[in-house]
């Protein structure tokens, strides 16, 4: 907003702060209507777990105490008496860049191919 009041063009402002000029236009319009630029608090539910509980879930995998999301879910629920879903554990592990490994029900190579 300071750039705009100093007389800079919308395109110059967008280039300087490296955002789309349409965003600059929207922010100027919002500032003119409301007198401020801040976004409103977002609605929606809060996170299922606090940061320290999420860190504990990651530790269970990192320190080799558990190997699967289901094992983490069971151990974490037993330790903390805090009920979460396996999907929540999977999401947390995904956010921390753990790769899921799925156990195969059938072998990839069928029996006739094994004999050859």
Protein backbone atom coordinates (compact mmCIF):
# COMPACT_ATOMS: atom_id res chain seq x y z
CA UNK A 1 0.00 0.00 0.00
CA UNK A 2 2.92 2.32 0.67
CA UNK A 3 4.14 1.94 -2.93
CA UNK A 4 0.69 2.85 -4.23
CA UNK A 5 0.45 6.00 -2.11
CA UNK A 6 3.92 7.03 -3.35
CA UNK A 7 2.63 6.96 -6.93
CA UNK A 8 4.04 3.67 -8.21
CA UNK A 9 1.98 1.93 -10.89
CA UNK A 10 0.27 -1.36 -10.12
CA UNK A 11 2.54 -3.21 -12.56
CA UNK A 12 5.66 -1.69 -10.96
CA UNK A 13 4.49 -2.74 -7.50
CA UNK A 14 3.76 -6.27 -8.75
CA UNK A 15 7.24 -6.53 -10.28
CA UNK A 16 8.93 -5.20 -7.12
CA UNK A 17 7.30 -7.62 -4.70
CA UNK A 18 6.93 -10.43 -7.25
CA UNK A 19 3.22 -11.12 -7.04
CA UNK A 20 0.47 -10.94 -9.65
CA UNK A 21 -0.88 -7.50 -10.52
CA UNK A 22 -4.42 -8.81 -9.95
CA UNK A 23 -3.44 -9.45 -6.31
CA UNK A 24 -2.26 -5.84 -5.99
CA UNK A 25 -5.56 -4.60 -7.42
CA UNK A 26 -7.52 -6.78 -4.98
CA UNK A 27 -5.47 -5.58 -1.99
CA UNK A 28 -5.87 -1.91 -2.96
CA UNK A 29 -9.62 -2.39 -3.37
CA UNK A 30 -9.78 -4.14 0.02
CA UNK A 31 -7.76 -1.35 1.68
CA UNK A 32 -10.05 1.30 0.22
CA UNK A 33 -13.19 -0.52 1.40
CA UNK A 34 -12.12 -1.64 4.87
CA UNK A 35 -9.11 0.50 5.71
CA UNK A 36 -6.90 -2.54 6.28
CA UNK A 37 -5.33 -5.37 4.29
CA UNK A 38 -5.13 -8.21 6.84
CA UNK A 39 -7.01 -11.40 6.05
CA UNK A 40 -9.78 -12.59 8.32
CA UNK A 41 -9.23 -15.58 10.57
CA UNK A 42 -9.91 -18.69 8.55
CA UNK A 43 -12.80 -20.89 9.50
CA UNK A 44 -12.56 -24.65 9.78
CA UNK A 45 -11.54 -27.13 12.41
CA UNK A 46 -8.28 -26.90 14.26
CA UNK A 47 -5.49 -29.44 13.95
CA UNK A 48 -6.18 -32.81 15.53
CA UNK A 49 -2.89 -32.82 17.43
CA UNK A 50 -0.59 -30.35 19.09
CA UNK A 51 2.97 -30.06 17.77
CA UNK A 52 4.55 -32.14 20.56
CA UNK A 53 2.14 -35.03 19.98
CA UNK A 54 2.85 -34.90 16.25
CA UNK A 55 6.58 -34.99 17.00
CA UNK A 56 6.07 -38.10 19.16
CA UNK A 57 4.39 -39.86 16.25
CA UNK A 58 7.37 -39.06 14.02
CA UNK A 59 9.79 -40.24 16.75
CA UNK A 60 8.06 -43.63 16.89
CA UNK A 61 9.07 -44.19 13.27
CA UNK A 62 12.48 -42.48 13.42
CA UNK A 63 13.68 -44.47 16.42
CA UNK A 64 12.46 -47.77 14.99
CA UNK A 65 9.84 -48.38 17.67
CA UNK A 66 7.18 -48.87 14.97
CA UNK A 67 7.22 -49.64 11.26
CA UNK A 68 3.67 -49.01 10.07
CA UNK A 69 1.04 -46.34 10.61
CA UNK A 70 -1.17 -48.93 12.31
CA UNK A 71 1.60 -49.78 14.79
CA UNK A 72 2.18 -46.08 15.46
CA UNK A 73 -1.57 -45.59 15.99
CA UNK A 74 -1.75 -48.45 18.49
CA UNK A 75 1.35 -47.47 20.45
CA UNK A 76 0.51 -43.75 20.49
CA UNK A 77 -3.09 -44.38 21.61
CA UNK A 78 -1.88 -46.72 24.37
CA UNK A 79 0.85 -44.30 25.60
CA UNK A 80 -1.21 -41.12 25.60
CA UNK A 81 -4.83 -42.25 25.97
CA UNK A 82 -5.43 -39.83 23.09
CA UNK A 83 -7.70 -41.26 20.40
CA UNK A 84 -6.78 -40.47 16.80
CA UNK A 85 -7.40 -42.31 13.56
CA UNK A 86 -4.91 -44.28 11.49
CA UNK A 87 -5.59 -41.80 8.66
CA UNK A 88 -4.40 -38.95 10.90
CA UNK A 89 -1.18 -40.86 11.58
CA UNK A 90 -0.76 -41.46 7.84
CA UNK A 91 -1.27 -37.76 7.09
CA UNK A 92 1.28 -36.74 9.72
CA UNK A 93 3.85 -39.19 8.37
CA UNK A 94 3.18 -37.99 4.82
CA UNK A 95 3.72 -34.35 5.90
CA UNK A 96 7.08 -35.40 7.34
CA UNK A 97 7.99 -37.05 4.02
CA UNK A 98 7.74 -40.68 5.05
CA UNK A 99 6.84 -43.01 2.21
CA UNK A 100 4.12 -45.58 2.76
CA UNK A 101 4.94 -49.19 2.01
CA UNK A 102 2.05 -51.45 1.18
CA UNK A 103 2.33 -55.14 1.89
CA UNK A 104 1.45 -57.18 -1.20
CA UNK A 105 -1.23 -59.81 -0.84
CA UNK A 106 -0.05 -61.76 -3.88
CA UNK A 107 3.37 -62.14 -5.40
CA UNK A 108 4.06 -59.99 -8.42
CA UNK A 109 5.21 -62.97 -10.51
CA UNK A 110 2.68 -65.72 -10.98
CA UNK A 111 3.57 -69.41 -10.59
CA UNK A 112 3.98 -70.20 -14.31
CA UNK A 113 6.44 -67.36 -14.79
CA UNK A 114 8.52 -68.58 -11.82
CA UNK A 115 9.13 -71.98 -13.49
CA UNK A 116 10.68 -70.52 -16.61
